[in-house]
Each structure stands twice: as C-alpha cells, then as structure tokens.
PDB file of N, CA and C in Angstrom:
ATOM      1  N   UNK A   1      79.433  31.480 113.766  1.00  0.00           N
ATOM      2  CA  UNK A   1      80.635  31.786 113.011  1.00  0.00           C
ATOM      3  C   UNK A   1      80.412  31.559 111.520  1.00  0.00           C
ATOM      4  N   UNK A   2      79.776  30.402 111.190  1.00  0.00           N
ATOM      5  CA  UNK A   2      79.520  30.082 109.791  1.00  0.00           C
ATOM      6  C   UNK A   2      78.573  31.109 109.171  1.00  0.00           C
ATOM      7  N   UNK A   3      77.555  31.556 109.926  1.00  0.00           N
ATOM      8  CA  UNK A   3      76.613  32.547 109.439  1.00  0.00           C
ATOM      9  C   UNK A   3      77.325  33.846 109.101  1.00  0.00           C
ATOM     10  N   UNK A   4      78.250  34.290 109.965  1.00  0.00           N
ATOM     11  CA  UNK A   4      79.009  35.507 109.694  1.00  0.00           C
ATOM     12  C   UNK A   4      79.841  35.356 108.431  1.00  0.00           C
ATOM     13  N   UNK A   5      80.452  34.194 108.225  1.00  0.00           N
ATOM     14  CA  UNK A   5      81.258  33.932 107.026  1.00  0.00           C
ATOM     15  C   UNK A   5      80.372  34.002 105.784  1.00  0.00           C
ATOM     16  N   UNK A   6      79.162  33.411 105.853  1.00  0.00           N
ATOM     17  CA  UNK A   6      78.240  33.440 104.721  1.00  0.00           C
ATOM     18  C   UNK A   6      77.805  34.872 104.419  1.00  0.00           C
ATOM     19  N   UNK A   7      77.512  35.661 105.457  1.00  0.00           N
ATOM     20  CA  UNK A   7      77.135  37.067 105.249  1.00  0.00           C
ATOM     21  C   UNK A   7      78.277  37.840 104.604  1.00  0.00           C
ATOM     22  N   UNK A   8      79.489  37.602 105.084  1.00  0.00           N
ATOM     23  CA  UNK A   8      80.650  38.279 104.531  1.00  0.00           C
ATOM     24  C   UNK A   8      80.840  37.909 103.069  1.00  0.00           C
ATOM     25  N   UNK A   9      80.691  36.635 102.731  1.00  0.00           N
ATOM     26  CA  UNK A   9      80.813  36.195 101.334  1.00  0.00           C
ATOM     27  C   UNK A   9      79.730  36.824 100.474  1.00  0.00           C
ATOM     28  N   UNK A  10      78.496  36.903 100.998  1.00  0.00           N
ATOM     29  CA  UNK A  10      77.410  37.505 100.250  1.00  0.00           C
ATOM     30  C   UNK A  10      77.677  38.990 100.039  1.00  0.00           C
ATOM     31  N   UNK A  11      78.167  39.672 101.071  1.00  0.00           N
ATOM     32  CA  UNK A  11      78.496  41.086 100.958  1.00  0.00           C
ATOM     33  C   UNK A  11      79.579  41.293  99.904  1.00  0.00           C
ATOM     34  N   UNK A  12      80.616  40.465  99.922  1.00  0.00           N
ATOM     35  CA  UNK A  12      81.691  40.590  98.934  1.00  0.00           C
ATOM     36  C   UNK A  12      81.188  40.357  97.519  1.00  0.00           C
ATOM     37  N   UNK A  13      80.264  39.421  97.332  1.00  0.00           N
ATOM     38  CA  UNK A  13      79.691  39.177  95.999  1.00  0.00           C
ATOM     39  C   UNK A  13      78.905  40.387  95.530  1.00  0.00           C
ATOM     40  N   UNK A  14      78.094  40.960  96.437  1.00  0.00           N
ATOM     41  CA  UNK A  14      77.329  42.164  96.082  1.00  0.00           C
ATOM     42  C   UNK A  14      78.264  43.317  95.712  1.00  0.00           C
ATOM     43  N   UNK A  15      79.338  43.477  96.498  1.00  0.00           N
ATOM     44  CA  UNK A  15      80.291  44.547  96.218  1.00  0.00           C
ATOM     45  C   UNK A  15      80.947  44.347  94.857  1.00  0.00           C
ATOM     46  N   UNK A  16      81.301  43.121  94.536  1.00  0.00           N
ATOM     47  CA  UNK A  16      81.923  42.843  93.240  1.00  0.00           C
ATOM     48  C   UNK A  16      80.984  43.185  92.102  1.00  0.00           C
ATOM     49  N   UNK A  17      79.711  42.818  92.236  1.00  0.00           N
ATOM     50  CA  UNK A  17      78.737  43.152  91.199  1.00  0.00           C
ATOM     51  C   UNK A  17      78.540  44.656  91.086  1.00  0.00           C
ATOM     52  N   UNK A  18      78.489  45.338  92.248  1.00  0.00           N
ATOM     53  CA  UNK A  18      78.329  46.785  92.247  1.00  0.00           C
ATOM     54  C   UNK A  18      79.533  47.454  91.580  1.00  0.00           C
ATOM     55  N   UNK A  19      80.739  46.960  91.888  1.00  0.00           N
ATOM     56  CA  UNK A  19      81.947  47.535  91.287  1.00  0.00           C
ATOM     57  C   UNK A  19      81.949  47.327  89.779  1.00  0.00           C
ATOM     58  N   UNK A  20      81.528  46.174  89.310  1.00  0.00           N
ATOM     59  CA  UNK A  20      81.456  45.902  87.880  1.00  0.00           C
ATOM     60  C   UNK A  20      80.507  46.877  87.211  1.00  0.00           C
ATOM     61  N   UNK A  21      79.355  47.110  87.814  1.00  0.00           N
ATOM     62  CA  UNK A  21      78.399  48.062  87.272  1.00  0.00           C
ATOM     63  C   UNK A  21      78.986  49.468  87.246  1.00  0.00           C
ATOM     64  N   UNK A  22      79.629  49.876  88.323  1.00  0.00           N
ATOM     65  CA  UNK A  22      80.228  51.213  88.381  1.00  0.00           C
ATOM     66  C   UNK A  22      81.303  51.366  87.322  1.00  0.00           C
ATOM     67  N   UNK A  23      82.182  50.379  87.196  1.00  0.00           N
ATOM     68  CA  UNK A  23      83.240  50.458  86.193  1.00  0.00           C
ATOM     69  C   UNK A  23      82.657  50.525  84.791  1.00  0.00           C
ATOM     70  N   UNK A  24      81.545  49.854  84.554  1.00  0.00           N
ATOM     71  CA  UNK A  24      80.893  49.910  83.256  1.00  0.00           C
ATOM     72  C   UNK A  24      80.384  51.320  82.993  1.00  0.00           C
ATOM     73  N   UNK A  25      79.903  51.976  84.036  1.00  0.00           N
ATOM     74  CA  UNK A  25      79.314  53.304  83.882  1.00  0.00           C
ATOM     75  C   UNK A  25      80.321  54.443  83.831  1.00  0.00           C
ATOM     76  N   UNK A  26      81.533  54.277  84.398  1.00  0.00           N
ATOM     77  CA  UNK A  26      82.424  55.437  84.511  1.00  0.00           C
ATOM     78  C   UNK A  26      83.402  55.595  83.362  1.00  0.00           C
ATOM     79  N   UNK A  27      83.319  54.776  82.351  1.00  0.00           N
ATOM     80  CA  UNK A  27      84.105  55.040  81.161  1.00  0.00           C
ATOM     81  C   UNK A  27      85.298  54.151  80.959  1.00  0.00           C
ATOM     82  N   UNK A  28      86.193  54.606  80.052  1.00  0.00           N
ATOM     83  CA  UNK A  28      87.297  53.787  79.553  1.00  0.00           C
ATOM     84  C   UNK A  28      88.369  53.488  80.590  1.00  0.00           C
ATOM     85  N   UNK A  29      89.005  54.496  81.110  1.00  0.00           N
ATOM     86  CA  UNK A  29      90.140  54.290  82.010  1.00  0.00           C
ATOM     87  C   UNK A  29      89.640  54.180  83.431  1.00  0.00           C
ATOM     88  N   UNK A  30      89.884  53.049  84.035  1.00  0.00           N
ATOM     89  CA  UNK A  30      89.354  52.808  85.369  1.00  0.00           C
ATOM     90  C   UNK A  30      90.476  52.429  86.318  1.00  0.00           C
ATOM     91  N   UNK A  31      90.384  52.963  87.498  1.00  0.00           N
ATOM     92  CA  UNK A  31      91.350  52.639  88.544  1.00  0.00           C
ATOM     93  C   UNK A  31      90.598  52.180  89.766  1.00  0.00           C
ATOM     94  N   UNK A  32      91.235  51.324  90.519  1.00  0.00           N
ATOM     95  CA  UNK A  32      90.670  50.877  91.779  1.00  0.00           C
ATOM     96  C   UNK A  32      91.514  51.500  92.877  1.00  0.00           C
ATOM     97  N   UNK A  33      90.865  52.133  93.844  1.00  0.00           N
ATOM     98  CA  UNK A  33      91.616  52.783  94.916  1.00  0.00           C
ATOM     99  C   UNK A  33      91.623  51.893  96.154  1.00  0.00           C
ATOM    100  N   UNK A  34      92.549  52.161  97.041  1.00  0.00           N
ATOM    101  CA  UNK A  34      92.667  51.451  98.309  1.00  0.00           C
ATOM    102  C   UNK A  34      92.026  52.276  99.413  1.00  0.00           C
ATOM    103  N   UNK A  35      91.413  51.590 100.358  1.00  0.00           N
ATOM    104  CA  UNK A  35      90.763  52.265 101.479  1.00  0.00           C
ATOM    105  C   UNK A  35      91.217  51.602 102.773  1.00  0.00           C
ATOM    106  N   UNK A  36      91.777  52.396 103.660  1.00  0.00           N
ATOM    107  CA  UNK A  36      92.110  51.916 105.009  1.00  0.00           C
ATOM    108  C   UNK A  36      91.013  52.387 105.951  1.00  0.00           C
ATOM    109  N   UNK A  37      90.577  51.507 106.839  1.00  0.00           N
ATOM    110  CA  UNK A  37      89.594  51.905 107.841  1.00  0.00           C
ATOM    111  C   UNK A  37      90.223  51.766 109.223  1.00  0.00           C
ATOM    112  N   UNK A  38      89.934  52.733 110.070  1.00  0.00           N
ATOM    113  CA  UNK A  38      90.436  52.730 111.440  1.00  0.00           C
ATOM    114  C   UNK A  38      89.249  52.981 112.354  1.00  0.00           C
ATOM    115  N   UNK A  39      89.047  52.104 113.311  1.00  0.00           N
ATOM    116  CA  UNK A  39      87.950  52.245 114.251  1.00  0.00           C
ATOM    117  C   UNK A  39      88.506  52.308 115.670  1.00  0.00           C
ATOM    118  N   UNK A  40      88.180  53.384 116.371  1.00  0.00           N
ATOM    119  CA  UNK A  40      88.634  53.535 117.756  1.00  0.00           C
ATOM    120  C   UNK A  40      87.586  54.316 118.541  1.00  0.00           C
ATOM    121  N   UNK A  41      87.213  53.786 119.684  1.00  0.00           N
ATOM    122  CA  UNK A  41      86.248  54.453 120.569  1.00  0.00           C
ATOM    123  C   UNK A  41      84.949  54.812 119.866  1.00  0.00           C
ATOM    124  N   UNK A  42      84.475  53.945 118.983  1.00  0.00           N
ATOM    125  CA  UNK A  42      83.218  54.179 118.288  1.00  0.00           C
ATOM    126  C   UNK A  42      83.290  55.142 117.124  1.00  0.00           C
ATOM    127  N   UNK A  43      84.484  55.636 116.791  1.00  0.00           N
ATOM    128  CA  UNK A  43      84.668  56.556 115.665  1.00  0.00           C
ATOM    129  C   UNK A  43      85.379  55.805 114.548  1.00  0.00           C
ATOM    130  N   UNK A  44      84.839  55.909 113.335  1.00  0.00           N
ATOM    131  CA  UNK A  44      85.446  55.233 112.189  1.00  0.00           C
ATOM    132  C   UNK A  44      85.997  56.280 111.237  1.00  0.00           C
ATOM    133  N   UNK A  45      87.268  56.113 110.877  1.00  0.00           N
ATOM    134  CA  UNK A  45      87.914  57.006 109.916  1.00  0.00           C
ATOM    135  C   UNK A  45      88.388  56.194 108.726  1.00  0.00           C
ATOM    136  N   UNK A  46      88.448  56.844 107.582  1.00  0.00           N
ATOM    137  CA  UNK A  46      88.852  56.196 106.342  1.00  0.00           C
ATOM    138  C   UNK A  46      89.967  56.998 105.695  1.00  0.00           C
ATOM    139  N   UNK A  47      90.900  56.304 105.071  1.00  0.00           N
ATOM    140  CA  UNK A  47      91.946  56.938 104.266  1.00  0.00           C
ATOM    141  C   UNK A  47      91.870  56.325 102.877  1.00  0.00           C
ATOM    142  N   UNK A  48      91.891  57.185 101.851  1.00  0.00           N
ATOM    143  CA  UNK A  48      91.795  56.739 100.471  1.00  0.00           C
ATOM    144  C   UNK A  48      93.112  57.032  99.765  1.00  0.00           C
ATOM    145  N   UNK A  49      93.606  56.078  98.980  1.00  0.00           N
ATOM    146  CA  UNK A  49      94.834  56.327  98.228  1.00  0.00           C
ATOM    147  C   UNK A  49      94.895  55.426  97.001  1.00  0.00           C
ATOM    148  N   UNK A  50      95.737  55.838  96.075  1.00  0.00           N
ATOM    149  CA  UNK A  50      95.944  55.092  94.839  1.00  0.00           C
ATOM    150  C   UNK A  50      97.413  55.172  94.464  1.00  0.00           C
ATOM    151  N   UNK A  51      97.945  54.082  93.945  1.00  0.00           N
ATOM    152  CA  UNK A  51      99.325  54.091  93.471  1.00  0.00           C
ATOM    153  C   UNK A  51      99.414  54.677  92.064  1.00  0.00           C
ATOM    154  N   UNK A  52      98.272  54.735  91.355  1.00  0.00           N
ATOM    155  CA  UNK A  52      98.273  55.227  89.970  1.00  0.00           C
ATOM    156  C   UNK A  52      97.835  56.678  89.835  1.00  0.00           C
ATOM    157  N   UNK A  53      97.018  57.162  90.756  1.00  0.00           N
ATOM    158  CA  UNK A  53      96.458  58.509  90.637  1.00  0.00           C
ATOM    159  C   UNK A  53      97.082  59.440  91.674  1.00  0.00           C
ATOM    160  N   UNK A  54      97.394  60.662  91.252  1.00  0.00           N
ATOM    161  CA  UNK A  54      97.941  61.656  92.178  1.00  0.00           C
ATOM    162  C   UNK A  54      96.861  62.245  93.084  1.00  0.00           C
ATOM    163  N   UNK A  55      95.676  62.452  92.518  1.00  0.00           N
ATOM    164  CA  UNK A  55      94.570  63.030  93.271  1.00  0.00           C
ATOM    165  C   UNK A  55      93.341  62.149  93.128  1.00  0.00           C
ATOM    166  N   UNK A  56      92.558  62.091  94.175  1.00  0.00           N
ATOM    167  CA  UNK A  56      91.304  61.363  94.130  1.00  0.00           C
ATOM    168  C   UNK A  56      90.171  62.378  94.230  1.00  0.00           C
ATOM    169  N   UNK A  57      89.583  62.693  93.089  1.00  0.00           N
ATOM    170  CA  UNK A  57      88.464  63.623  93.038  1.00  0.00           C
ATOM    171  C   UNK A  57      87.178  62.805  93.114  1.00  0.00           C
ATOM    172  N   UNK A  58      86.503  62.897  94.255  1.00  0.00           N
ATOM    173  CA  UNK A  58      85.391  62.016  94.597  1.00  0.00           C
ATOM    174  C   UNK A  58      84.055  62.626  94.187  1.00  0.00           C
ATOM    175  N   UNK A  59      83.225  61.785  93.548  1.00  0.00           N
ATOM    176  CA  UNK A  59      81.844  62.171  93.219  1.00  0.00           C
ATOM    177  C   UNK A  59      80.924  61.907  94.407  1.00  0.00           C
ATOM    178  N   UNK A  60      80.998  60.683  94.941  1.00  0.00           N
ATOM    179  CA  UNK A  60      80.169  60.374  96.105  1.00  0.00           C
ATOM    180  C   UNK A  60      80.757  59.233  96.916  1.00  0.00           C
ATOM    181  N   UNK A  61      80.287  59.150  98.163  1.00  0.00           N
ATOM    182  CA  UNK A  61      80.701  58.105  99.097  1.00  0.00           C
ATOM    183  C   UNK A  61      79.438  57.575  99.759  1.00  0.00           C
ATOM    184  N   UNK A  62      79.370  56.248  99.856  1.00  0.00           N
ATOM    185  CA  UNK A  62      78.215  55.619 100.493  1.00  0.00           C
ATOM    186  C   UNK A  62      78.688  54.532 101.449  1.00  0.00           C
ATOM    187  N   UNK A  63      78.038  54.464 102.604  1.00  0.00           N
ATOM    188  CA  UNK A  63      78.277  53.387 103.565  1.00  0.00           C
ATOM    189  C   UNK A  63      76.982  52.603 103.668  1.00  0.00           C
ATOM    190  N   UNK A  64      77.105  51.262 103.573  1.00  0.00           N
ATOM    191  CA  UNK A  64      75.941  50.397 103.666  1.00  0.00           C
ATOM    192  C   UNK A  64      76.118  49.414 104.814  1.00  0.00           C
ATOM    193  N   UNK A  65      75.006  48.889 105.295  1.00  0.00           N
ATOM    194  CA  UNK A  65      75.063  47.884 106.355  1.00  0.00           C
ATOM    195  C   UNK A  65      75.184  46.494 105.744  1.00  0.00           C
ATOM    196  N   UNK A  66      75.121  45.465 106.582  1.00  0.00           N
ATOM    197  CA  UNK A  66      75.380  44.107 106.104  1.00  0.00           C
ATOM    198  C   UNK A  66      74.285  43.564 105.192  1.00  0.00           C
ATOM    199  N   UNK A  67      73.135  44.223 105.125  1.00  0.00           N
ATOM    200  CA  UNK A  67      72.110  43.809 104.167  1.00  0.00           C
ATOM    201  C   UNK A  67      72.002  44.820 103.017  1.00  0.00           C
ATOM    202  N   UNK A  68      73.084  45.571 102.832  1.00  0.00           N
ATOM    203  CA  UNK A  68      73.252  46.483 101.698  1.00  0.00           C
ATOM    204  C   UNK A  68      72.309  47.686 101.713  1.00  0.00           C
ATOM    205  N   UNK A  69      71.811  48.068 102.886  1.00  0.00           N
ATOM    206  CA  UNK A  69      71.011  49.277 103.004  1.00  0.00           C
ATOM    207  C   UNK A  69      71.940  50.446 103.298  1.00  0.00           C
ATOM    208  N   UNK A  70      71.764  51.568 102.605  1.00  0.00           N
ATOM    209  CA  UNK A  70      72.610  52.733 102.883  1.00  0.00           C
ATOM    210  C   UNK A  70      72.377  53.261 104.300  1.00  0.00           C
ATOM    211  N   UNK A  71      73.482  53.517 105.010  1.00  0.00           N
ATOM    212  CA  UNK A  71      73.392  54.131 106.336  1.00  0.00           C
ATOM    213  C   UNK A  71      73.978  55.543 106.312  1.00  0.00           C
ATOM    214  N   UNK A  72      74.628  55.913 105.209  1.00  0.00           N
ATOM    215  CA  UNK A  72      75.155  57.269 105.026  1.00  0.00           C
ATOM    216  C   UNK A  72      75.562  57.442 103.578  1.00  0.00           C
ATOM    217  N   UNK A  73      75.248  58.600 103.017  1.00  0.00           N
ATOM    218  CA  UNK A  73      75.688  58.915 101.655  1.00  0.00           C
ATOM    219  C   UNK A  73      75.964  60.404 101.559  1.00  0.00           C
ATOM    220  N   UNK A  74      77.124  60.734 101.001  1.00  0.00           N
ATOM    221  CA  UNK A  74      77.455  62.127 100.709  1.00  0.00           C
ATOM    222  C   UNK A  74      77.823  62.233  99.241  1.00  0.00           C
ATOM    223  N   UNK A  75      77.642  63.426  98.701  1.00  0.00           N
ATOM    224  CA  UNK A  75      77.921  63.658  97.290  1.00  0.00           C
ATOM    225  C   UNK A  75      78.569  65.030  97.125  1.00  0.00           C
ATOM    226  N   UNK A  76      79.480  65.138  96.151  1.00  0.00           N
ATOM    227  CA  UNK A  76      80.105  66.431  95.869  1.00  0.00           C
ATOM    228  C   UNK A  76      79.027  67.402  95.400  1.00  0.00           C
ATOM    229  N   UNK A  77      79.144  68.662  95.797  1.00  0.00           N
ATOM    230  CA  UNK A  77      78.129  69.656  95.450  1.00  0.00           C
ATOM    231  C   UNK A  77      77.991  69.881  93.951  1.00  0.00           C
ATOM    232  N   UNK A  78      79.056  70.338  93.297  1.00  0.00           N
ATOM    233  CA  UNK A  78      78.972  70.685  91.885  1.00  0.00           C
ATOM    234  C   UNK A  78      79.831  69.779  91.016  1.00  0.00           C
ATOM    235  N   UNK A  79      81.052  69.600  91.423  1.00  0.00           N
ATOM    236  CA  UNK A  79      81.994  68.774  90.678  1.00  0.00           C
ATOM    237  C   UNK A  79      82.783  67.932  91.672  1.00  0.00           C
ATOM    238  N   UNK A  80      83.413  66.857  91.204  1.00  0.00           N
ATOM    239  CA  UNK A  80      84.173  66.008  92.122  1.00  0.00           C
ATOM    240  C   UNK A  80      85.188  66.810  92.938  1.00  0.00           C
ATOM    241  N   UNK A  81      85.342  66.431  94.192  1.00  0.00           N
ATOM    242  CA  UNK A  81      86.250  67.132  95.113  1.00  0.00           C
ATOM    243  C   UNK A  81      87.372  66.214  95.558  1.00  0.00           C
ATOM    244  N   UNK A  82      88.553  66.804  95.738  1.00  0.00           N
ATOM    245  CA  UNK A  82      89.712  66.058  96.226  1.00  0.00           C
ATOM    246  C   UNK A  82      89.494  65.705  97.695  1.00  0.00           C
ATOM    247  N   UNK A  83      89.704  64.440  98.005  1.00  0.00           N
ATOM    248  CA  UNK A  83      89.563  63.991  99.383  1.00  0.00           C
ATOM    249  C   UNK A  83      90.481  62.793  99.587  1.00  0.00           C
ATOM    250  N   UNK A  84      91.182  62.773 100.707  1.00  0.00           N
ATOM    251  CA  UNK A  84      92.105  61.677 101.003  1.00  0.00           C
ATOM    252  C   UNK A  84      91.721  60.944 102.279  1.00  0.00           C
ATOM    253  N   UNK A  85      90.942  61.615 103.149  1.00  0.00           N
ATOM    254  CA  UNK A  85      90.513  60.951 104.379  1.00  0.00           C
ATOM    255  C   UNK A  85      89.175  61.503 104.823  1.00  0.00           C
ATOM    256  N   UNK A  86      88.514  60.739 105.658  1.00  0.00           N
ATOM    257  CA  UNK A  86      87.154  61.069 106.053  1.00  0.00           C
ATOM    258  C   UNK A  86      86.835  60.368 107.365  1.00  0.00           C
ATOM    259  N   UNK A  87      86.060  61.029 108.208  1.00  0.00           N
ATOM    260  CA  UNK A  87      85.532  60.417 109.423  1.00  0.00           C
ATOM    261  C   UNK A  87      84.038  60.226 109.225  1.00  0.00           C
ATOM    262  N   UNK A  88      83.552  59.035 109.570  1.00  0.00           N
ATOM    263  CA  UNK A  88      82.137  58.716 109.387  1.00  0.00           C
ATOM    264  C   UNK A  88      81.260  59.778 110.047  1.00  0.00           C
ATOM    265  N   UNK A  89      80.291  60.284 109.279  1.00  0.00           N
ATOM    266  CA  UNK A  89      79.341  61.268 109.788  1.00  0.00           C
ATOM    267  C   UNK A  89      79.766  62.709 109.611  1.00  0.00           C
ATOM    268  N   UNK A  90      81.046  62.972 109.350  1.00  0.00           N
ATOM    269  CA  UNK A  90      81.521  64.339 109.115  1.00  0.00           C
ATOM    270  C   UNK A  90      81.441  64.642 107.626  1.00  0.00           C
ATOM    271  N   UNK A  91      80.857  65.769 107.295  1.00  0.00           N
ATOM    272  CA  UNK A  91      80.675  66.133 105.895  1.00  0.00           C
ATOM    273  C   UNK A  91      81.813  67.066 105.478  1.00  0.00           C
ATOM    274  N   UNK A  92      82.666  66.620 104.550  1.00  0.00           N
ATOM    275  CA  UNK A  92      83.781  67.465 104.114  1.00  0.00           C
ATOM    276  C   UNK A  92      83.291  68.688 103.336  1.00  0.00           C
ATOM    277  N   UNK A  93      84.112  69.716 103.325  1.00  0.00           N
ATOM    278  CA  UNK A  93      83.798  70.920 102.562  1.00  0.00           C
ATOM    279  C   UNK A  93      83.603  70.543 101.098  1.00  0.00           C
ATOM    280  N   UNK A  94      82.570  71.109 100.485  1.00  0.00           N
ATOM    281  CA  UNK A  94      82.287  70.836  99.080  1.00  0.00           C
ATOM    282  C   UNK A  94      81.393  69.632  98.858  1.00  0.00           C
ATOM    283  N   UNK A  95      80.917  69.002  99.948  1.00  0.00           N
ATOM    284  CA  UNK A  95      80.020  67.853  99.860  1.00  0.00           C
ATOM    285  C   UNK A  95      78.704  68.171 100.555  1.00  0.00           C
ATOM    286  N   UNK A  96      77.690  67.430 100.205  1.00  0.00           N
ATOM    287  CA  UNK A  96      76.393  67.542 100.879  1.00  0.00           C
ATOM    288  C   UNK A  96      75.951  66.139 101.302  1.00  0.00           C
ATOM    289  N   UNK A  97      75.179  66.089 102.356  1.00  0.00           N
ATOM    290  CA  UNK A  97      74.691  64.819 102.875  1.00  0.00           C
ATOM    291  C   UNK A  97      73.390  64.454 102.166  1.00  0.00           C
ATOM    292  N   UNK A  98      73.384  63.295 101.516  1.00  0.00           N
ATOM    293  CA  UNK A  98      72.198  62.813 100.810  1.00  0.00           C
ATOM    294  C   UNK A  98      71.372  61.933 101.746  1.00  0.00           C
ATOM    295  N   UNK A  99      72.046  61.052 102.473  1.00  0.00           N
ATOM    296  CA  UNK A  99      71.408  60.224 103.511  1.00  0.00           C
ATOM    297  C   UNK A  99      72.123  60.519 104.817  1.00  0.00           C
ATOM    298  N   UNK A 100      71.359  61.000 105.796  1.00  0.00           N
ATOM    299  CA  UNK A 100      71.930  61.355 107.098  1.00  0.00           C
ATOM    300  C   UNK A 100      72.576  60.134 107.741  1.00  0.00           C
ATOM    301  N   UNK A 101      73.742  60.330 108.349  1.00  0.00           N
ATOM    302  CA  UNK A 101      74.494  59.237 108.971  1.00  0.00           C
ATOM    303  C   UNK A 101      73.697  58.624 110.121  1.00  0.00           C
ATOM    304  N   UNK A 102      73.525  57.302 110.030  1.00  0.00           N
ATOM    305  CA  UNK A 102      72.873  56.562 111.101  1.00  0.00           C
ATOM    306  C   UNK A 102      73.939  56.044 112.055  1.00  0.00           C
ATOM    307  N   UNK A 103      73.537  55.794 113.277  1.00  0.00           N
ATOM    308  CA  UNK A 103      74.472  55.263 114.270  1.00  0.00           C
ATOM    309  C   UNK A 103      74.927  53.872 113.844  1.00  0.00           C
ATOM    310  N   UNK A 104      76.249  53.653 113.876  1.00  0.00           N
ATOM    311  CA  UNK A 104      76.804  52.343 113.559  1.00  0.00           C
ATOM    312  C   UNK A 104      76.785  51.485 114.811  1.00  0.00           C
ATOM    313  N   UNK A 105      76.464  50.213 114.639  1.00  0.00           N
ATOM    314  CA  UNK A 105      76.341  49.298 115.764  1.00  0.00           C
ATOM    315  C   UNK A 105      77.596  48.457 115.913  1.00  0.00           C
ATOM    316  N   UNK A 106      78.045  48.338 117.153  1.00  0.00           N
ATOM    317  CA  UNK A 106      79.246  47.560 117.459  1.00  0.00           C
ATOM    318  C   UNK A 106      79.056  46.099 117.046  1.00  0.00           C
ATOM    319  N   UNK A 107      80.083  45.531 116.413  1.00  0.00           N
ATOM    320  CA  UNK A 107      80.053  44.134 116.006  1.00  0.00           C
ATOM    321  C   UNK A 107      79.370  43.872 114.677  1.00  0.00           C
ATOM    322  N   UNK A 108      78.802  44.891 114.050  1.00  0.00           N
ATOM    323  CA  UNK A 108      78.124  44.734 112.760  1.00  0.00           C
ATOM    324  C   UNK A 108      79.087  45.073 111.629  1.00  0.00           C
ATOM    325  N   UNK A 109      78.881  44.411 110.483  1.00  0.00           N
ATOM    326  CA  UNK A 109      79.730  44.655 109.313  1.00  0.00           C
ATOM    327  C   UNK A 109      79.111  45.737 108.434  1.00  0.00           C
ATOM    328  N   UNK A 110      79.965  46.611 107.923  1.00  0.00           N
ATOM    329  CA  UNK A 110      79.556  47.687 107.036  1.00  0.00           C
ATOM    330  C   UNK A 110      80.488  47.719 105.831  1.00  0.00           C
ATOM    331  N   UNK A 111      80.073  48.442 104.811  1.00  0.00           N
ATOM    332  CA  UNK A 111      80.900  48.592 103.619  1.00  0.00           C
ATOM    333  C   UNK A 111      80.900  50.055 103.208  1.00  0.00           C
ATOM    334  N   UNK A 112      82.055  50.557 102.810  1.00  0.00           N
ATOM    335  CA  UNK A 112      82.158  51.906 102.263  1.00  0.00           C
ATOM    336  C   UNK A 112      82.475  51.787 100.784  1.00  0.00           C
ATOM    337  N   UNK A 113      81.803  52.591  99.986  1.00  0.00           N
ATOM    338  CA  UNK A 113      82.021  52.661  98.545  1.00  0.00           C
ATOM    339  C   UNK A 113      82.398  54.095  98.210  1.00  0.00           C
ATOM    340  N   UNK A 114      83.510  54.268  97.507  1.00  0.00           N
ATOM    341  CA  UNK A 114      83.984  55.596  97.105  1.00  0.00           C
ATOM    342  C   UNK A 114      84.059  55.609  95.582  1.00  0.00           C
ATOM    343  N   UNK A 115      83.419  56.607  94.940  1.00  0.00           N
ATOM    344  CA  UNK A 115      83.359  56.658  93.485  1.00  0.00           C
ATOM    345  C   UNK A 115      83.802  58.027  92.984  1.00  0.00           C
ATOM    346  N   UNK A 116      84.685  58.012  91.998  1.00  0.00           N
ATOM    347  CA  UNK A 116      85.116  59.220  91.307  1.00  0.00           C
ATOM    348  C   UNK A 116      84.871  59.058  89.817  1.00  0.00           C
ATOM    349  N   UNK A 117      85.246  60.056  89.035  1.00  0.00           N
ATOM    350  CA  UNK A 117      84.969  60.007  87.601  1.00  0.00           C
ATOM    351  C   UNK A 117      85.735  58.904  86.884  1.00  0.00           C
ATOM    352  N   UNK A 118      86.900  58.511  87.393  1.00  0.00           N
ATOM    353  CA  UNK A 118      87.676  57.452  86.726  1.00  0.00           C
ATOM    354  C   UNK A 118      88.169  56.382  87.688  1.00  0.00           C
ATOM    355  N   UNK A 119      87.554  56.284  88.868  1.00  0.00           N
ATOM    356  CA  UNK A 119      87.977  55.274  89.836  1.00  0.00           C
ATOM    357  C   UNK A 119      86.822  54.891  90.745  1.00  0.00           C
ATOM    358  N   UNK A 120      87.003  53.808  91.438  1.00  0.00           N
ATOM    359  CA  UNK A 120      86.074  53.387  92.470  1.00  0.00           C
ATOM    360  C   UNK A 120      86.837  52.496  93.448  1.00  0.00           C
ATOM    361  N   UNK A 121      86.326  52.367  94.643  1.00  0.00           N
ATOM    362  CA  UNK A 121      86.930  51.484  95.621  1.00  0.00           C
ATOM    363  C   UNK A 121      85.918  51.177  96.711  1.00  0.00           C
ATOM    364  N   UNK A 122      86.122  50.034  97.363  1.00  0.00           N
ATOM    365  CA  UNK A 122      85.241  49.691  98.471  1.00  0.00           C
ATOM    366  C   UNK A 122      86.021  48.923  99.516  1.00  0.00           C
ATOM    367  N   UNK A 123      85.493  48.897 100.700  1.00  0.00           N
ATOM    368  CA  UNK A 123      86.103  48.155 101.796  1.00  0.00           C
ATOM    369  C   UNK A 123      85.035  47.800 102.807  1.00  0.00           C
ATOM    370  N   UNK A 124      85.170  46.640 103.409  1.00  0.00           N
ATOM    371  CA  UNK A 124      84.292  46.230 104.494  1.00  0.00           C
ATOM    372  C   UNK A 124      84.979  46.531 105.812  1.00  0.00           C
ATOM    373  N   UNK A 125      84.173  46.819 106.832  1.00  0.00           N
ATOM    374  CA  UNK A 125      84.740  47.058 108.161  1.00  0.00           C
ATOM    375  C   UNK A 125      83.715  46.687 109.212  1.00  0.00           C
ATOM    376  N   UNK A 126      84.196  46.402 110.408  1.00  0.00           N
ATOM    377  CA  UNK A 126      83.351  46.094 111.560  1.00  0.00           C
ATOM    378  C   UNK A 126      83.691  47.095 112.642  1.00  0.00           C
ATOM    379  N   UNK A 127      82.670  47.672 113.240  1.00  0.00           N
ATOM    380  CA  UNK A 127      82.894  48.657 114.311  1.00  0.00           C
ATOM    381  C   UNK A 127      83.276  47.939 115.589  1.00  0.00           C
TER     382      UNK A 127
END
C-alpha cells in the first residue's frame, strides 16, 4: 500500500513538472482543463472540459504508464482539432497516431496529458 502511495506521489510530482514546462512553452494565456476518466469492461474513455473555454482545440494527447513511459500518443494532423471526449486507442478524425496504443494492464496506474495551444490538463487513472 505504501509503495503504491509513493508511486502515486512520484507520478503527481512528474506531472506537475511536466505541466509547468508545458505552460512555459504555450505562451501568455494559459488554462487548465478538467478530465474525467471512465473505465468499464477494460475500456477507458475520457471527457475533456473547461469552465473558461468554449472549445478545446487539441494539439496532442499522450497516455503514460506509472514509470512515465508513453503507451499511446496522438497528434492533430495539421492544426489543433476540437475534441471533447475520447476512447483509449480510438483515433479521432483529424488526428494521427504517433505511438500505437499498447494494452493497458488491470490494476496499473496511468496518466493522460492533453495539450492545446492555450491550455493543458492531465489526470491519473487505474484500469
């Protein structure tokens, strides 16, 4: 139990540092978005929303495992695309897969990072 807590704390610290770097890179006006994760029958879905922004035009989305290795990455083809929800492994129209989705393991912790031109957000989840 203590080991899981330490891993979770380490993951949260890494995410905070990553978010700081992203916010430094994306310019003046920055927003943080909310991400809901839903896991049922081995399928993970995500919903993205913001109280400040009407649309979330996403540049890329990355899912990492508990040791911060990417297990899936997608990126908008030409310009950021509007997206409000996503199912792990499904590539939305206007996106391309940069890292092919790996099978998620039950009981393991993962993190999703969503980045747009003026926002970013992340969330941890366990399958």
